[in-house]
Amino acid sequence: MSSITVNTIEPVGSTLTVGSATDTVTVPTGATISGAISMVPAFEARITTEQNPSGGTDTLINFDSEVFDTNSAYDVSAKRFTVPSGLGGKYHLYCNLTVGSSANSGLAQCQAYVYKNGSKTTTRALTNTNNDGNGRYYGLNLSTSIVLSAGDYIEIYGRGDVDSGTIEVRTDESIFGMYRMIGV
C-alpha cells in the first residue's frame, strides 16, 4: 500500500474523484469529516406544559422548548421548522406524541398529522381504540422523509376524541425533530 501525505488536494477542474465505482473508500475510526458533509439543519423540540386541545379539532401541538437547533430554524413561538435559505433537500422527520384522557378509559381515538406550509399532508399516525373508551394514553409515532425547499415550513397537529374527561397532550413523552439527510 502506498501513501500520499499532503495538506490540501485541489482538483484541476471543479470535480475531485476518489476511487472508482467499485472501490471502497475507508475513513479511519476517530477521523472527522468536516465541511459540506453534515446533516444540518437539525433540531429537536419538546412540550413543557401539558396541552388540552378541544376534541375533534386539528390543533397545532405546542412544541415550545428546543433541545437543540443547529441553524435556528425552529421557531418556538410559531411551533414550526422553516427550511433556511440554500438548505432545501430531503429531510427526515420524527415525532412522538403522547395523547390521552384525563379520565381512566376515556380516550376514543387520537391522530397526529404533518402540516407543510399550512396544509395537512398525507403523513399521519392514527390510533383507534375499541370505540368504547377503553384507553387512557396512546403514543403516536411519525417517521417520514420529505422533500423541502428553502422557506417551506413544517408543523405537527394533533386531534383526539374522548368519551370522558379532557384530552391531554403529555409533556415528557412528546418530541418533534427533523434533520437534513446527506447522500440522497
N, C-alpha and C. Protein backbone atom coordinates (compact mmCIF):
# COMPACT_ATOMS: atom_id res chain seq x y z
N MET A 1 0.84 -1.17 0.00
CA MET A 1 0.00 0.00 0.00
C MET A 1 0.89 1.23 0.00
N SER A 2 0.49 2.23 -0.80
CA SER A 2 1.23 3.49 -0.89
C SER A 2 0.47 4.57 -0.15
N SER A 3 1.16 5.58 0.30
CA SER A 3 0.55 6.72 0.98
C SER A 3 0.98 8.01 0.32
N ILE A 4 0.08 8.97 0.29
CA ILE A 4 0.39 10.32 -0.15
C ILE A 4 0.12 11.22 1.05
N THR A 5 1.09 12.02 1.41
CA THR A 5 0.92 12.90 2.55
C THR A 5 0.97 14.34 2.07
N VAL A 6 -0.18 15.01 2.15
CA VAL A 6 -0.28 16.42 1.74
C VAL A 6 -1.27 17.12 2.67
N ASN A 7 -1.30 18.43 2.62
CA ASN A 7 -2.26 19.19 3.43
C ASN A 7 -3.53 19.52 2.65
N THR A 8 -3.44 19.71 1.34
CA THR A 8 -4.59 20.10 0.54
C THR A 8 -4.54 19.41 -0.82
N ILE A 9 -5.68 18.90 -1.27
CA ILE A 9 -5.81 18.36 -2.61
C ILE A 9 -6.85 19.21 -3.32
N GLU A 10 -6.48 19.79 -4.43
CA GLU A 10 -7.41 20.61 -5.20
C GLU A 10 -7.52 20.02 -6.60
N PRO A 11 -8.74 19.91 -7.14
CA PRO A 11 -8.91 19.38 -8.49
C PRO A 11 -8.46 20.40 -9.53
N VAL A 12 -8.10 19.91 -10.71
CA VAL A 12 -7.74 20.79 -11.82
C VAL A 12 -9.00 21.50 -12.31
N GLY A 13 -10.11 20.79 -12.40
CA GLY A 13 -11.39 21.39 -12.79
C GLY A 13 -12.23 21.62 -11.55
N SER A 14 -13.52 21.31 -11.64
CA SER A 14 -14.41 21.52 -10.50
C SER A 14 -14.81 20.22 -9.80
N THR A 15 -14.26 19.08 -10.25
CA THR A 15 -14.62 17.79 -9.67
C THR A 15 -13.37 17.05 -9.20
N LEU A 16 -13.45 16.50 -8.01
CA LEU A 16 -12.38 15.66 -7.47
C LEU A 16 -12.98 14.28 -7.24
N THR A 17 -12.40 13.25 -7.86
CA THR A 17 -12.88 11.89 -7.71
C THR A 17 -11.89 11.10 -6.89
N VAL A 18 -12.40 10.37 -5.90
CA VAL A 18 -11.58 9.50 -5.08
C VAL A 18 -12.05 8.08 -5.34
N GLY A 19 -11.24 7.26 -5.99
CA GLY A 19 -11.61 5.89 -6.30
C GLY A 19 -12.56 5.83 -7.48
N SER A 20 -13.02 4.59 -7.77
CA SER A 20 -13.96 4.38 -8.87
C SER A 20 -15.22 3.72 -8.30
N ALA A 21 -16.19 3.43 -9.17
CA ALA A 21 -17.50 2.93 -8.74
C ALA A 21 -17.42 1.64 -7.94
N THR A 22 -16.44 0.81 -8.15
CA THR A 22 -16.37 -0.47 -7.44
C THR A 22 -15.41 -0.43 -6.24
N ASP A 23 -14.77 0.70 -6.02
CA ASP A 23 -13.83 0.83 -4.90
C ASP A 23 -14.54 1.13 -3.59
N THR A 24 -13.89 0.82 -2.49
CA THR A 24 -14.35 1.21 -1.16
C THR A 24 -13.39 2.23 -0.62
N VAL A 25 -13.92 3.38 -0.19
CA VAL A 25 -13.11 4.41 0.42
C VAL A 25 -13.36 4.34 1.91
N THR A 26 -12.31 4.16 2.69
CA THR A 26 -12.43 3.98 4.13
C THR A 26 -11.97 5.23 4.86
N VAL A 27 -12.77 5.66 5.82
CA VAL A 27 -12.40 6.74 6.71
C VAL A 27 -12.10 6.08 8.05
N PRO A 28 -10.87 6.23 8.54
CA PRO A 28 -10.50 5.53 9.77
C PRO A 28 -11.35 5.94 10.97
N THR A 29 -11.57 5.02 11.88
CA THR A 29 -12.29 5.31 13.11
C THR A 29 -11.59 6.44 13.85
N GLY A 30 -12.37 7.38 14.31
CA GLY A 30 -11.82 8.53 15.03
C GLY A 30 -11.52 9.73 14.15
N ALA A 31 -11.50 9.52 12.82
CA ALA A 31 -11.28 10.63 11.91
C ALA A 31 -12.54 11.48 11.84
N THR A 32 -12.39 12.75 11.52
CA THR A 32 -13.51 13.66 11.39
C THR A 32 -13.60 14.16 9.97
N ILE A 33 -14.82 14.13 9.41
CA ILE A 33 -15.06 14.72 8.10
C ILE A 33 -15.81 16.00 8.36
N SER A 34 -15.27 17.12 7.91
CA SER A 34 -15.94 18.39 8.15
C SER A 34 -16.21 19.09 6.82
N GLY A 35 -17.02 20.11 6.89
CA GLY A 35 -17.31 20.88 5.69
C GLY A 35 -18.68 20.55 5.15
N ALA A 36 -18.75 20.23 3.86
CA ALA A 36 -20.02 20.09 3.16
C ALA A 36 -20.84 18.89 3.60
N ILE A 37 -20.21 17.90 4.19
CA ILE A 37 -20.96 16.70 4.59
C ILE A 37 -21.42 16.87 6.03
N SER A 38 -22.68 17.23 6.18
CA SER A 38 -23.26 17.34 7.52
C SER A 38 -24.76 17.19 7.41
N MET A 39 -25.36 16.79 8.48
CA MET A 39 -26.80 16.56 8.49
C MET A 39 -27.48 17.72 9.21
N VAL A 40 -27.24 18.92 8.71
CA VAL A 40 -27.86 20.11 9.28
C VAL A 40 -28.57 20.86 8.17
N PRO A 41 -29.60 21.57 8.46
CA PRO A 41 -30.06 21.88 9.82
C PRO A 41 -30.69 20.67 10.50
N ALA A 42 -30.67 20.72 11.80
CA ALA A 42 -31.28 19.68 12.62
C ALA A 42 -31.81 20.33 13.89
N PHE A 43 -32.92 19.81 14.39
CA PHE A 43 -33.46 20.32 15.64
C PHE A 43 -34.28 19.23 16.32
N GLU A 44 -34.53 19.43 17.59
CA GLU A 44 -35.49 18.62 18.33
C GLU A 44 -36.16 19.53 19.34
N ALA A 45 -37.48 19.40 19.45
CA ALA A 45 -38.26 20.23 20.37
C ALA A 45 -39.14 19.33 21.23
N ARG A 46 -39.49 19.84 22.40
CA ARG A 46 -40.34 19.12 23.35
C ARG A 46 -41.47 20.02 23.82
N ILE A 47 -42.40 19.43 24.52
CA ILE A 47 -43.50 20.16 25.13
C ILE A 47 -43.19 20.33 26.62
N THR A 48 -43.30 21.56 27.15
CA THR A 48 -43.02 21.78 28.57
C THR A 48 -44.27 21.91 29.42
N THR A 49 -45.40 22.20 28.79
CA THR A 49 -46.66 22.34 29.51
C THR A 49 -47.71 21.48 28.83
N GLU A 50 -48.38 20.65 29.62
CA GLU A 50 -49.43 19.79 29.06
C GLU A 50 -50.44 20.64 28.28
N GLN A 51 -50.85 20.12 27.15
CA GLN A 51 -51.79 20.82 26.28
C GLN A 51 -53.14 20.11 26.34
N ASN A 52 -54.23 20.87 26.38
CA ASN A 52 -55.58 20.31 26.44
C ASN A 52 -56.43 20.86 25.29
N PRO A 53 -56.22 20.31 24.07
CA PRO A 53 -56.98 20.81 22.92
C PRO A 53 -58.44 20.36 22.94
N SER A 54 -59.26 21.05 22.17
CA SER A 54 -60.66 20.65 22.02
C SER A 54 -60.74 19.35 21.26
N GLY A 55 -61.72 18.51 21.58
CA GLY A 55 -61.90 17.25 20.88
C GLY A 55 -62.41 17.46 19.47
N GLY A 56 -61.99 16.57 18.57
CA GLY A 56 -62.48 16.57 17.20
C GLY A 56 -61.96 17.70 16.33
N THR A 57 -60.91 18.38 16.76
CA THR A 57 -60.36 19.52 16.02
C THR A 57 -58.86 19.35 15.83
N ASP A 58 -58.36 19.55 14.61
CA ASP A 58 -56.92 19.56 14.39
C ASP A 58 -56.33 20.75 15.14
N THR A 59 -55.35 20.50 16.00
CA THR A 59 -54.77 21.54 16.86
C THR A 59 -53.25 21.53 16.72
N LEU A 60 -52.66 22.71 16.52
CA LEU A 60 -51.21 22.85 16.47
C LEU A 60 -50.63 22.42 17.81
N ILE A 61 -49.67 21.50 17.77
CA ILE A 61 -49.08 20.99 19.01
C ILE A 61 -48.01 21.95 19.51
N ASN A 62 -48.04 22.17 20.80
CA ASN A 62 -47.22 23.19 21.45
C ASN A 62 -45.80 22.69 21.78
N PHE A 63 -45.01 22.40 20.75
CA PHE A 63 -43.60 22.04 20.98
C PHE A 63 -42.86 23.34 21.26
N ASP A 64 -42.75 23.69 22.55
CA ASP A 64 -42.33 25.03 22.94
C ASP A 64 -40.94 25.13 23.54
N SER A 65 -40.17 24.06 23.50
CA SER A 65 -38.84 24.10 24.08
C SER A 65 -37.86 23.34 23.19
N GLU A 66 -36.79 24.00 22.78
CA GLU A 66 -35.78 23.35 21.94
C GLU A 66 -34.83 22.53 22.79
N VAL A 67 -34.56 21.33 22.33
CA VAL A 67 -33.50 20.52 22.92
C VAL A 67 -32.19 20.93 22.25
N PHE A 68 -32.23 21.05 20.91
CA PHE A 68 -31.11 21.61 20.14
C PHE A 68 -31.68 22.16 18.83
N ASP A 69 -30.94 23.07 18.22
CA ASP A 69 -31.35 23.70 16.96
C ASP A 69 -30.10 24.25 16.29
N THR A 70 -29.54 23.49 15.35
CA THR A 70 -28.23 23.83 14.77
C THR A 70 -28.24 25.12 13.95
N ASN A 71 -29.34 25.47 13.35
CA ASN A 71 -29.38 26.63 12.44
C ASN A 71 -30.44 27.65 12.83
N SER A 72 -30.93 27.59 14.06
CA SER A 72 -32.01 28.49 14.50
C SER A 72 -33.18 28.45 13.52
N ALA A 73 -33.54 27.25 13.06
CA ALA A 73 -34.59 27.08 12.06
C ALA A 73 -35.93 26.70 12.69
N TYR A 74 -35.93 26.33 13.98
CA TYR A 74 -37.18 26.02 14.65
C TYR A 74 -37.61 27.24 15.45
N ASP A 75 -38.84 27.66 15.27
CA ASP A 75 -39.39 28.84 15.95
C ASP A 75 -40.31 28.35 17.06
N VAL A 76 -39.88 28.52 18.32
CA VAL A 76 -40.68 28.02 19.45
C VAL A 76 -41.98 28.81 19.62
N SER A 77 -42.01 30.07 19.20
CA SER A 77 -43.26 30.82 19.35
C SER A 77 -44.28 30.42 18.29
N ALA A 78 -43.84 30.14 17.06
CA ALA A 78 -44.76 29.71 15.99
C ALA A 78 -44.94 28.20 15.97
N LYS A 79 -44.10 27.45 16.70
CA LYS A 79 -44.16 25.97 16.76
C LYS A 79 -43.93 25.35 15.40
N ARG A 80 -42.92 25.87 14.66
CA ARG A 80 -42.67 25.36 13.31
C ARG A 80 -41.19 25.39 12.96
N PHE A 81 -40.83 24.45 12.07
CA PHE A 81 -39.49 24.40 11.48
C PHE A 81 -39.59 25.01 10.09
N THR A 82 -38.69 25.94 9.77
CA THR A 82 -38.64 26.57 8.45
C THR A 82 -37.28 26.28 7.84
N VAL A 83 -37.27 25.79 6.59
CA VAL A 83 -36.02 25.46 5.90
C VAL A 83 -35.26 26.75 5.60
N PRO A 84 -34.00 26.84 6.09
CA PRO A 84 -33.20 28.03 5.83
C PRO A 84 -32.83 28.18 4.35
N SER A 85 -32.51 29.38 3.97
CA SER A 85 -32.09 29.68 2.60
C SER A 85 -30.90 28.81 2.20
N GLY A 86 -30.99 28.23 1.01
CA GLY A 86 -29.91 27.40 0.48
C GLY A 86 -29.84 25.99 1.03
N LEU A 87 -30.79 25.59 1.89
CA LEU A 87 -30.72 24.27 2.53
C LEU A 87 -31.93 23.40 2.24
N GLY A 88 -32.53 23.58 1.06
CA GLY A 88 -33.58 22.68 0.63
C GLY A 88 -33.01 21.28 0.40
N GLY A 89 -33.87 20.29 0.32
CA GLY A 89 -33.42 18.91 0.08
C GLY A 89 -34.34 17.93 0.77
N LYS A 90 -33.83 16.73 0.97
CA LYS A 90 -34.60 15.68 1.65
C LYS A 90 -34.33 15.75 3.14
N TYR A 91 -35.41 15.71 3.90
CA TYR A 91 -35.33 15.77 5.36
C TYR A 91 -35.99 14.54 5.96
N HIS A 92 -35.46 14.13 7.11
CA HIS A 92 -36.11 13.08 7.89
C HIS A 92 -36.83 13.77 9.04
N LEU A 93 -38.10 13.43 9.21
CA LEU A 93 -38.93 13.97 10.28
C LEU A 93 -39.29 12.85 11.23
N TYR A 94 -39.23 13.12 12.51
CA TYR A 94 -39.68 12.16 13.51
C TYR A 94 -40.48 12.88 14.59
N CYS A 95 -41.47 12.20 15.10
CA CYS A 95 -42.31 12.79 16.13
C CYS A 95 -42.93 11.68 16.96
N ASN A 96 -42.93 11.86 18.25
CA ASN A 96 -43.69 11.02 19.16
C ASN A 96 -44.62 11.95 19.91
N LEU A 97 -45.89 11.64 19.85
CA LEU A 97 -46.90 12.46 20.51
C LEU A 97 -47.72 11.55 21.41
N THR A 98 -47.70 11.80 22.70
CA THR A 98 -48.49 11.00 23.63
C THR A 98 -49.76 11.76 23.97
N VAL A 99 -50.89 11.16 23.59
CA VAL A 99 -52.20 11.78 23.76
C VAL A 99 -53.02 10.90 24.69
N GLY A 100 -53.82 11.53 25.53
CA GLY A 100 -54.63 10.75 26.45
C GLY A 100 -55.85 11.49 26.92
N SER A 101 -56.51 10.88 27.89
CA SER A 101 -57.69 11.44 28.52
C SER A 101 -57.40 11.64 30.00
N SER A 102 -57.98 12.69 30.55
CA SER A 102 -57.80 12.92 31.99
C SER A 102 -58.56 11.88 32.82
N ALA A 103 -59.49 11.16 32.18
CA ALA A 103 -60.26 10.12 32.88
C ALA A 103 -59.76 8.75 32.46
N ASN A 104 -59.70 7.83 33.41
CA ASN A 104 -59.34 6.46 33.07
C ASN A 104 -60.29 5.95 31.99
N SER A 105 -59.74 5.27 31.01
CA SER A 105 -60.52 4.63 29.95
C SER A 105 -61.37 5.62 29.16
N GLY A 106 -60.92 6.86 29.02
CA GLY A 106 -61.74 7.86 28.34
C GLY A 106 -61.38 8.17 26.91
N LEU A 107 -60.21 7.76 26.43
CA LEU A 107 -59.76 8.12 25.10
C LEU A 107 -60.40 7.23 24.04
N ALA A 108 -61.08 7.84 23.07
CA ALA A 108 -61.71 7.08 21.99
C ALA A 108 -60.77 6.91 20.82
N GLN A 109 -60.10 7.98 20.38
CA GLN A 109 -59.13 7.88 19.29
C GLN A 109 -58.23 9.12 19.30
N CYS A 110 -57.09 9.02 18.65
CA CYS A 110 -56.20 10.16 18.52
C CYS A 110 -55.40 10.04 17.22
N GLN A 111 -54.99 11.19 16.70
CA GLN A 111 -54.26 11.25 15.44
C GLN A 111 -53.21 12.34 15.53
N ALA A 112 -52.16 12.19 14.75
CA ALA A 112 -51.14 13.24 14.61
C ALA A 112 -50.88 13.41 13.12
N TYR A 113 -50.71 14.65 12.70
CA TYR A 113 -50.53 14.97 11.29
C TYR A 113 -49.33 15.87 11.07
N VAL A 114 -48.70 15.73 9.92
CA VAL A 114 -47.67 16.65 9.46
C VAL A 114 -48.36 17.68 8.58
N TYR A 115 -48.14 18.95 8.88
CA TYR A 115 -48.63 20.04 8.04
C TYR A 115 -47.43 20.69 7.36
N LYS A 116 -47.52 20.88 6.04
CA LYS A 116 -46.46 21.55 5.27
C LYS A 116 -47.05 22.84 4.72
N ASN A 117 -46.42 23.95 5.04
CA ASN A 117 -46.86 25.28 4.58
C ASN A 117 -48.34 25.53 4.87
N GLY A 118 -48.79 25.08 6.05
CA GLY A 118 -50.15 25.35 6.49
C GLY A 118 -51.20 24.36 6.02
N SER A 119 -50.80 23.33 5.26
CA SER A 119 -51.77 22.35 4.76
C SER A 119 -51.42 20.95 5.24
N LYS A 120 -52.45 20.18 5.57
CA LYS A 120 -52.27 18.81 6.03
C LYS A 120 -51.70 17.96 4.91
N THR A 121 -50.68 17.17 5.21
CA THR A 121 -50.13 16.21 4.25
C THR A 121 -50.76 14.85 4.48
N THR A 122 -50.40 13.90 3.68
CA THR A 122 -50.93 12.54 3.86
C THR A 122 -50.21 11.79 4.97
N THR A 123 -49.12 12.35 5.50
CA THR A 123 -48.37 11.69 6.56
C THR A 123 -49.10 11.85 7.88
N ARG A 124 -49.47 10.73 8.49
CA ARG A 124 -50.16 10.79 9.76
C ARG A 124 -49.94 9.52 10.56
N ALA A 125 -50.21 9.63 11.84
CA ALA A 125 -50.25 8.47 12.73
C ALA A 125 -51.64 8.44 13.32
N LEU A 126 -52.25 7.27 13.38
CA LEU A 126 -53.63 7.14 13.82
C LEU A 126 -53.74 5.98 14.80
N THR A 127 -54.42 6.22 15.89
CA THR A 127 -54.73 5.15 16.83
C THR A 127 -56.23 5.15 17.05
N ASN A 128 -56.86 4.04 16.81
CA ASN A 128 -58.28 3.87 17.14
C ASN A 128 -58.36 2.87 18.28
N THR A 129 -59.08 3.24 19.31
CA THR A 129 -59.34 2.26 20.36
C THR A 129 -60.58 1.49 19.95
N ASN A 130 -61.15 0.74 20.85
CA ASN A 130 -62.32 -0.09 20.52
C ASN A 130 -63.62 0.70 20.48
N ASN A 131 -63.52 2.02 20.41
CA ASN A 131 -64.68 2.91 20.38
C ASN A 131 -65.59 2.77 21.60
N ASP A 132 -65.09 2.11 22.63
CA ASP A 132 -65.88 2.05 23.86
C ASP A 132 -65.14 2.81 24.97
N GLY A 133 -64.16 3.62 24.56
CA GLY A 133 -63.45 4.44 25.53
C GLY A 133 -62.62 3.64 26.49
N ASN A 134 -61.88 2.65 26.01
CA ASN A 134 -61.12 1.81 26.94
C ASN A 134 -59.65 2.18 27.00
N GLY A 135 -59.27 3.32 26.47
CA GLY A 135 -57.86 3.71 26.50
C GLY A 135 -57.64 4.93 27.37
N ARG A 136 -56.45 5.05 27.93
CA ARG A 136 -56.11 6.24 28.72
C ARG A 136 -55.07 7.06 27.97
N TYR A 137 -53.95 6.46 27.55
CA TYR A 137 -52.90 7.18 26.83
C TYR A 137 -52.42 6.34 25.66
N TYR A 138 -52.12 7.01 24.57
CA TYR A 138 -51.55 6.34 23.40
C TYR A 138 -50.39 7.16 22.87
N GLY A 139 -49.34 6.47 22.45
CA GLY A 139 -48.20 7.12 21.81
C GLY A 139 -48.35 7.03 20.30
N LEU A 140 -48.33 8.17 19.65
CA LEU A 140 -48.40 8.23 18.19
C LEU A 140 -47.01 8.51 17.67
N ASN A 141 -46.53 7.68 16.76
CA ASN A 141 -45.18 7.84 16.23
C ASN A 141 -45.24 8.14 14.75
N LEU A 142 -44.60 9.23 14.35
CA LEU A 142 -44.46 9.61 12.96
C LEU A 142 -42.99 9.53 12.60
N SER A 143 -42.70 8.99 11.45
CA SER A 143 -41.34 8.96 10.93
C SER A 143 -41.45 8.93 9.41
N THR A 144 -40.92 9.95 8.76
CA THR A 144 -41.05 10.02 7.31
C THR A 144 -39.93 10.86 6.72
N SER A 145 -39.73 10.72 5.43
CA SER A 145 -38.82 11.56 4.68
C SER A 145 -39.66 12.50 3.84
N ILE A 146 -39.20 13.73 3.71
CA ILE A 146 -39.98 14.74 3.00
C ILE A 146 -39.03 15.67 2.24
N VAL A 147 -39.39 16.00 1.02
CA VAL A 147 -38.60 16.92 0.20
C VAL A 147 -39.09 18.33 0.48
N LEU A 148 -38.16 19.21 0.84
CA LEU A 148 -38.50 20.58 1.19
C LEU A 148 -37.61 21.56 0.44
N SER A 149 -38.15 22.73 0.18
CA SER A 149 -37.41 23.83 -0.43
C SER A 149 -37.19 24.91 0.61
N ALA A 150 -36.23 25.80 0.36
CA ALA A 150 -35.99 26.91 1.27
C ALA A 150 -37.28 27.69 1.46
N GLY A 151 -37.60 28.00 2.71
CA GLY A 151 -38.81 28.73 3.05
C GLY A 151 -40.00 27.86 3.39
N ASP A 152 -39.98 26.56 3.02
CA ASP A 152 -41.07 25.66 3.42
C ASP A 152 -41.06 25.53 4.94
N TYR A 153 -42.24 25.35 5.52
CA TYR A 153 -42.28 25.15 6.97
C TYR A 153 -43.15 23.94 7.32
N ILE A 154 -42.78 23.32 8.42
CA ILE A 154 -43.42 22.08 8.89
C ILE A 154 -43.93 22.29 10.32
N GLU A 155 -45.15 21.82 10.55
CA GLU A 155 -45.77 21.86 11.87
C GLU A 155 -46.39 20.50 12.15
N ILE A 156 -46.60 20.20 13.43
CA ILE A 156 -47.27 18.97 13.84
C ILE A 156 -48.61 19.36 14.47
N TYR A 157 -49.66 18.72 13.98
CA TYR A 157 -51.00 18.92 14.52
C TYR A 157 -51.48 17.60 15.11
N GLY A 158 -52.33 17.70 16.12
CA GLY A 158 -52.93 16.52 16.72
C GLY A 158 -54.44 16.67 16.79
N ARG A 159 -55.08 15.55 16.97
CA ARG A 159 -56.55 15.52 17.06
C ARG A 159 -56.92 14.34 17.95
N GLY A 160 -57.88 14.53 18.80
CA GLY A 160 -58.32 13.43 19.65
C GLY A 160 -59.80 13.53 19.96
N ASP A 161 -60.35 12.42 20.36
CA ASP A 161 -61.74 12.35 20.81
C ASP A 161 -61.78 11.53 22.09
N VAL A 162 -62.53 12.02 23.06
CA VAL A 162 -62.65 11.32 24.34
C VAL A 162 -64.11 11.00 24.61
N ASP A 163 -64.32 9.88 25.30
CA ASP A 163 -65.66 9.52 25.77
C ASP A 163 -65.93 10.17 27.12
N SER A 164 -64.84 10.40 27.88
CA SER A 164 -64.97 11.08 29.17
C SER A 164 -63.65 11.79 29.47
N GLY A 165 -63.73 12.82 30.29
CA GLY A 165 -62.54 13.58 30.64
C GLY A 165 -62.18 14.59 29.56
N THR A 166 -60.97 15.13 29.67
CA THR A 166 -60.45 16.08 28.68
C THR A 166 -59.25 15.48 27.98
N ILE A 167 -58.96 15.96 26.79
CA ILE A 167 -57.80 15.48 26.04
C ILE A 167 -56.54 16.06 26.64
N GLU A 168 -55.52 15.23 26.75
CA GLU A 168 -54.22 15.67 27.26
C GLU A 168 -53.14 15.32 26.24
N VAL A 169 -52.28 16.29 25.93
CA VAL A 169 -51.07 16.02 25.17
C VAL A 169 -49.95 16.09 26.20
N ARG A 170 -49.31 14.96 26.46
CA ARG A 170 -48.35 14.81 27.55
C ARG A 170 -47.01 15.47 27.25
N THR A 171 -46.36 15.95 28.28
CA THR A 171 -45.10 16.66 28.12
C THR A 171 -43.90 15.74 27.99
N ASP A 172 -43.72 14.84 28.91
CA ASP A 172 -42.48 14.06 28.97
C ASP A 172 -42.26 13.16 27.77
N GLU A 173 -43.33 12.69 27.17
CA GLU A 173 -43.20 11.68 26.11
C GLU A 173 -43.31 12.26 24.71
N SER A 174 -43.51 13.56 24.54
CA SER A 174 -43.78 14.14 23.23
C SER A 174 -42.59 14.92 22.70
N ILE A 175 -42.10 14.52 21.51
CA ILE A 175 -40.97 15.20 20.88
C ILE A 175 -41.24 15.37 19.38
N PHE A 176 -40.55 16.32 18.78
CA PHE A 176 -40.65 16.58 17.33
C PHE A 176 -39.25 17.02 16.89
N GLY A 177 -38.75 16.38 15.83
CA GLY A 177 -37.43 16.75 15.33
C GLY A 177 -37.29 16.47 13.85
N MET A 178 -36.30 17.10 13.26
CA MET A 178 -36.00 16.89 11.83
C MET A 178 -34.50 17.10 11.62
N TYR A 179 -33.99 16.48 10.54
CA TYR A 179 -32.63 16.75 10.10
C TYR A 179 -32.55 16.55 8.59
N ARG A 180 -31.65 17.29 7.98
CA ARG A 180 -31.43 17.19 6.53
C ARG A 180 -30.58 15.96 6.27
N MET A 181 -31.01 15.14 5.32
CA MET A 181 -30.29 13.90 5.01
C MET A 181 -29.19 14.18 4.00
N ILE A 182 -28.08 13.47 4.10
CA ILE A 182 -26.99 13.61 3.16
C ILE A 182 -26.95 12.40 2.23
N GLY A 183 -26.39 12.60 1.07
CA GLY A 183 -26.16 11.48 0.16
C GLY A 183 -27.41 10.95 -0.52
N VAL A 184 -28.51 11.71 -0.51
CA VAL A 184 -29.74 11.25 -1.18
C VAL A 184 -30.23 12.29 -2.16
